[in-house]
Protein backbone atom coordinates (compact mmCIF):
# COMPACT_ATOMS: atom_id res chain seq x y z
CA MET A 1 0.02 -0.02 -0.01
CA ASN A 2 1.32 3.73 -1.82
CA GLU A 3 1.52 4.90 2.77
CA ALA A 4 2.13 8.90 0.90
CA ALA A 5 -0.57 11.35 1.92
CA THR A 6 -3.84 8.31 2.62
CA PRO A 7 -7.26 9.49 2.27
CA PRO A 8 -9.21 9.25 5.16
CA ARG A 9 -11.78 6.81 5.40
CA PRO A 10 -14.42 5.99 2.96
CA ARG A 11 -18.48 5.45 4.49
CA GLY A 12 -19.08 3.77 1.73
CA LEU A 13 -17.57 1.95 -1.67
CA LEU A 14 -17.71 1.01 -5.65
CA LEU A 15 -16.00 -1.40 -6.41
CA ASP A 16 -14.79 -2.89 -10.70
CA LEU A 17 -14.85 -6.95 -10.54
CA ASP A 18 -12.82 -8.50 -12.66
CA GLY A 19 -9.15 -7.36 -12.28
CA VAL A 20 -9.70 -7.08 -9.29
CA PHE A 21 -11.28 -9.74 -8.01
CA TYR A 22 -10.69 -12.16 -10.14
CA VAL A 23 -8.91 -12.46 -14.16
CA GLY A 24 -10.16 -14.92 -16.71
CA ASN A 25 -11.25 -18.54 -13.59
CA GLN A 26 -8.74 -17.60 -11.17
CA LEU A 27 -9.28 -15.50 -7.60
CA ILE A 28 -6.97 -12.88 -6.71
CA ASP A 29 -5.92 -13.51 -3.35
CA GLY A 30 -7.46 -12.26 -0.43
CA ALA A 31 -10.53 -11.10 -3.01
CA LEU A 32 -12.59 -13.51 -0.62
CA GLU A 33 -11.10 -12.05 2.41
CA ALA A 34 -11.94 -8.90 1.23
CA ILE A 35 -15.61 -9.69 0.74
CA ASP A 36 -15.86 -10.93 3.94
CA PHE A 37 -14.42 -8.10 5.86
CA LEU A 38 -17.10 -5.16 3.79
CA GLU A 39 -19.86 -7.50 4.78
CA ARG A 40 -18.52 -8.13 8.63
CA ALA A 41 -18.01 -4.04 8.64
CA GLN A 42 -21.74 -3.24 7.93
CA ILE A 43 -19.07 -0.93 4.77
CA PRO A 44 -22.51 0.31 2.09
CA HIS A 45 -20.63 -0.88 -1.18
CA LEU A 46 -21.28 -1.50 -5.45
CA TYR A 47 -19.77 -3.24 -7.50
CA LEU A 48 -19.12 -1.37 -11.11
CA THR A 49 -18.80 -3.33 -14.17
CA ASN A 50 -18.28 -2.50 -17.69
CA THR A 51 -18.46 -5.69 -18.60
CA THR A 52 -20.12 -6.74 -21.55
CA THR A 53 -19.74 -9.93 -22.15
CA ARG A 54 -21.94 -11.80 -19.96
CA SER A 55 -25.40 -10.40 -19.35
CA LEU A 56 -25.90 -9.33 -15.65
CA GLY A 57 -27.43 -12.99 -14.67
CA GLU A 58 -24.37 -14.68 -16.87
CA LEU A 59 -22.46 -12.83 -14.52
CA GLU A 60 -23.60 -13.55 -10.96
CA GLU A 61 -23.13 -16.67 -12.32
CA LYS A 62 -19.78 -16.71 -12.41
CA LEU A 63 -19.24 -14.46 -9.77
CA HIS A 64 -20.49 -17.40 -7.58
CA SER A 65 -19.10 -20.16 -9.65
CA LEU A 66 -15.58 -18.78 -8.14
CA GLY A 67 -17.13 -18.48 -4.64
CA LEU A 68 -17.47 -15.11 -4.23
CA PRO A 69 -20.95 -14.14 -2.59
CA ILE A 70 -22.15 -11.11 -4.81
CA ASP A 71 -25.73 -10.88 -5.38
CA ARG A 72 -26.72 -9.17 -8.47
CA SER A 73 -28.31 -6.47 -6.69
CA ARG A 74 -25.22 -5.25 -5.80
CA ILE A 75 -24.13 -4.51 -9.36
CA LEU A 76 -24.51 -1.94 -11.70
CA SER A 77 -23.27 -2.60 -15.11
CA ALA A 78 -22.69 -1.26 -17.83
CA PRO A 79 -25.48 -3.14 -20.25
CA LEU A 80 -28.51 -2.09 -17.48
CA ALA A 81 -27.32 1.18 -17.07
CA ALA A 82 -27.79 1.99 -21.24
CA ARG A 83 -31.43 -0.17 -21.22
CA ARG A 84 -32.54 3.14 -18.65
CA TRP A 85 -30.70 5.50 -20.66
CA LEU A 86 -32.82 4.02 -24.35
CA GLU A 87 -35.92 4.05 -22.22
CA GLN A 88 -35.95 7.52 -20.99
CA GLN A 89 -34.87 9.18 -24.78
CA GLY A 90 -37.44 7.01 -26.06
CA ILE A 91 -35.28 4.85 -28.48
CA GLN A 92 -37.34 1.86 -29.10
CA ARG A 93 -35.11 0.04 -32.32
CA CYS A 94 -32.20 -0.44 -31.61
CA ARG A 95 -28.75 -2.44 -33.60
CA LEU A 96 -27.30 -4.81 -30.38
CA LEU A 97 -23.29 -5.23 -31.30
CA VAL A 98 -23.13 -6.82 -27.81
CA ARG A 99 -23.04 -10.97 -27.67
CA GLU A 100 -26.25 -12.92 -27.92
CA GLY A 101 -26.68 -13.75 -24.48
CA VAL A 102 -26.27 -9.89 -23.57
CA LYS A 103 -29.09 -9.24 -25.21
CA ILE A 104 -31.47 -10.61 -22.56
CA ASP A 105 -30.82 -7.09 -19.94
CA PHE A 106 -32.33 -4.77 -23.68
CA ALA A 107 -35.45 -6.57 -22.94
CA GLY A 108 -38.18 -4.72 -24.47
CA LEU A 109 -36.42 -2.52 -26.83
CA ALA A 110 -36.44 -4.29 -30.54
CA GLU A 111 -33.73 -5.19 -32.21
CA ASP A 112 -33.40 -3.35 -35.60
CA GLY A 113 -31.10 -3.54 -38.30
CA ASP A 114 -32.49 -2.35 -40.71
CA ASN A 115 -33.26 1.30 -40.07
CA PRO A 116 -32.46 1.51 -36.48
CA GLN A 117 -32.26 4.66 -33.53
CA ALA A 118 -29.42 3.41 -31.49
CA VAL A 119 -26.10 1.47 -32.62
CA VAL A 120 -25.44 0.08 -29.31
CA VAL A 121 -21.77 -0.55 -28.87
CA GLY A 122 -20.55 -4.24 -26.47
CA ASP A 123 -17.97 -6.60 -26.98
CA ILE A 124 -18.53 -8.93 -29.42
CA GLY A 125 -15.28 -10.42 -29.84
CA SER A 126 -13.93 -11.70 -33.62
CA ALA A 127 -17.84 -11.24 -34.92
CA TRP A 128 -15.83 -8.20 -35.71
CA SER A 129 -16.22 -7.46 -39.20
CA TYR A 130 -16.26 -4.48 -41.63
CA GLU A 131 -19.18 -5.80 -43.19
CA LEU A 132 -21.02 -5.13 -39.35
CA LEU A 133 -18.59 -1.41 -39.02
CA ASN A 134 -19.62 -0.42 -41.92
CA ALA A 135 -23.21 -1.76 -41.89
CA ALA A 136 -23.44 0.44 -38.42
CA PHE A 137 -22.19 3.67 -40.37
CA ARG A 138 -24.28 3.52 -42.43
CA ASP A 139 -27.00 3.52 -39.44
CA LEU A 140 -24.82 6.51 -37.96
CA VAL A 141 -24.84 8.85 -41.43
CA ASN A 142 -28.73 8.30 -41.53
CA GLY A 143 -29.04 9.06 -38.27
CA ALA A 144 -28.52 6.69 -35.02
CA ARG A 145 -27.44 7.06 -32.23
CA LEU A 146 -23.86 5.63 -30.90
CA ILE A 147 -24.12 4.19 -27.97
CA ALA A 148 -20.99 2.34 -26.39
CA LEU A 149 -21.36 0.40 -23.22
CA HIS A 150 -18.00 0.79 -22.61
CA LYS A 151 -14.62 3.04 -24.16
CA ASN A 152 -11.92 1.01 -22.61
CA ARG A 153 -8.97 0.85 -24.99
CA TYR A 154 -8.04 -2.66 -23.07
CA TRP A 155 -8.63 -5.71 -20.74
CA GLN A 156 -6.98 -8.53 -19.39
CA ALA A 157 -7.50 -11.48 -20.24
CA GLU A 158 -5.33 -15.13 -18.50
CA ASP A 159 -3.23 -15.01 -21.90
CA GLY A 160 -2.92 -10.87 -21.61
CA LEU A 161 -3.74 -7.98 -22.66
CA ARG A 162 -6.19 -7.92 -24.96
CA LEU A 163 -8.16 -4.97 -27.93
CA ASP A 164 -11.19 -3.40 -26.35
CA ILE A 165 -14.61 -2.04 -27.89
CA GLY A 166 -12.61 1.02 -27.60
CA ALA A 167 -10.79 1.10 -30.61
CA PHE A 168 -14.14 0.12 -32.89
CA VAL A 169 -16.34 3.10 -30.94
CA ALA A 170 -13.53 5.47 -32.04
CA ALA A 171 -13.55 4.04 -35.45
CA LEU A 172 -17.34 4.93 -35.67
CA GLU A 173 -16.97 8.21 -34.36
CA TYR A 174 -14.27 9.04 -36.49
CA ALA A 175 -16.35 8.21 -39.34
CA ALA A 176 -19.80 8.92 -39.26
CA ASP A 177 -17.64 12.08 -37.33
CA LEU A 178 -20.04 12.00 -34.38
CA GLN A 179 -19.35 11.02 -30.29
CA ALA A 180 -20.25 8.69 -28.74
CA VAL A 181 -22.41 8.25 -25.67
CA ILE A 182 -21.04 6.05 -23.02
CA MET A 183 -23.42 4.06 -20.49
CA GLY A 184 -20.26 2.72 -18.12
CA LYS A 185 -17.81 3.84 -16.27
CA PRO A 186 -16.36 6.79 -16.78
CA SER A 187 -19.90 8.45 -17.46
CA PRO A 188 -20.45 11.11 -14.53
CA ASP A 189 -23.93 9.94 -15.28
CA PHE A 190 -22.70 6.25 -14.68
CA PHE A 191 -21.35 7.22 -10.95
CA ALA A 192 -24.33 9.43 -10.22
CA THR A 193 -26.89 6.38 -9.86
CA ALA A 194 -24.32 4.25 -8.10
CA LEU A 195 -23.61 6.97 -5.37
CA GLN A 196 -28.10 7.27 -5.66
CA MET A 197 -27.89 3.48 -5.40
CA LEU A 198 -25.50 3.85 -2.25
CA GLY A 199 -27.06 6.59 -0.57
CA LEU A 200 -23.80 8.55 0.21
CA PRO A 201 -22.00 12.38 -1.19
CA ALA A 202 -18.97 11.37 -3.81
CA GLN A 203 -16.82 12.95 -1.06
CA ALA A 204 -17.46 9.99 1.00
CA VAL A 205 -16.90 7.46 -1.12
CA ALA A 206 -14.09 5.57 -2.89
CA MET A 207 -13.89 4.07 -6.50
CA ILE A 208 -11.66 0.60 -6.12
CA GLY A 209 -10.21 -1.06 -10.15
CA ASP A 210 -7.11 -1.29 -12.29
CA ASP A 211 -7.99 0.97 -14.65
CA ILE A 212 -6.25 3.94 -14.11
CA GLU A 213 -8.29 6.39 -16.76
CA SER A 214 -11.49 4.59 -16.27
CA ASP A 215 -11.58 3.59 -12.78
CA VAL A 216 -9.48 5.93 -10.80
CA GLY A 217 -9.59 9.46 -13.31
CA GLY A 218 -13.70 8.81 -14.46
CA ALA A 219 -14.30 8.79 -10.65
CA GLN A 220 -11.97 12.01 -9.69
CA ALA A 221 -13.44 13.58 -12.07
CA CYS A 222 -17.22 13.22 -10.29
CA GLY A 223 -15.24 13.96 -6.95
CA ILE A 224 -14.94 9.90 -5.91
CA THR A 225 -11.63 9.18 -4.14
CA GLY A 226 -9.88 7.46 -6.62
CA VAL A 227 -7.90 4.16 -5.54
CA LEU A 228 -5.65 1.17 -7.87
CA VAL A 229 -5.00 -1.87 -7.22
CA LYS A 230 -1.61 -3.20 -9.41
CA THR A 231 -3.49 -6.04 -10.80
CA GLY A 232 -5.54 -6.56 -13.67
CA LYS A 233 -4.98 -4.79 -16.35
CA TYR A 234 -2.40 -1.77 -14.17
CA ARG A 235 1.57 -1.35 -15.81
CA PRO A 236 2.81 1.05 -14.72
CA GLU A 237 4.62 2.12 -18.04
CA LEU A 238 0.26 2.33 -19.53
CA ALA A 239 -0.59 4.29 -16.34
CA ALA A 240 2.26 6.72 -15.88
CA ARG A 241 1.30 7.74 -19.70
CA THR A 242 -1.80 8.26 -18.76
CA GLY A 243 -0.93 11.44 -16.27
CA ILE A 244 -3.75 10.30 -13.33
CA THR A 245 -2.66 10.03 -10.01
CA PRO A 246 -4.32 8.00 -8.34
CA ASP A 247 -5.53 8.92 -4.75
CA LEU A 248 -4.36 5.75 -3.22
CA THR A 249 -2.34 2.55 -4.48
CA LEU A 250 -2.74 -0.96 -3.17
CA ASP A 251 -0.90 -3.58 -4.61
CA SER A 252 -4.19 -5.81 -4.77
CA ILE A 253 -7.80 -5.73 -3.13
CA ALA A 254 -5.78 -8.17 -0.32
CA ASP A 255 -4.32 -4.48 1.07
CA LEU A 256 -8.30 -3.22 1.50
CA PRO A 257 -9.42 -3.95 4.67
CA CYS A 258 -5.61 -2.80 6.49
CA TRP A 259 -6.12 0.07 4.62
CA LEU A 260 -9.87 0.67 5.77
CA ASP A 261 -8.92 -0.70 9.74
CA THR A 262 -5.64 2.22 9.90
């Protein structure tokens, strides 16, 4: 733990999942103990995730299979935030560039590949192709909104770093000459929803994550304490390039109880 100018103990926590508690199918040391500490200490907390490879139900199943006692009611995901936003905007027809299993999180919206009101971009892995990008580009030129579930540059898989959907979102923004509406971290609206769910002001909350831009920088921009863990996608040379300084750096989530006990 970086002891320099350690921030005071927060009253509530927002925690990333992938890269903080697990990578792939491997738990990060101290993950279970950290969750047990939060429960015993009765610290209000929520899990914020940009994961778009699984529906909320599938994500809950994965967490339970890893032995992580996390209920879906404590998870705020980018797909659910997107559906809420689309409904508020009165958008009903979408080109859903998300995996089949994730489409359940968009229940109530019509999937339309001919005349969509919005193009929703999530993680579809190797299904990306020129033809698909070009179809989405034409939708945008014809007036559809571009909705990005997040804009992460890369993510940590068990075999190393992998390109994330931010590259495809940026390509569509450039080609169609518009800006995407970002749903997940670091969207201020996403963090505002999380604070509302916690019932706490920004200055009383800390965000813990392995992404210095989306997790730490996004939180700090909203007045939330940003805590970086050196696990998951963390790379010191990549973090240094961002110019973002975390309020606190932990070696891993295993150090969380020590900080909160001080």
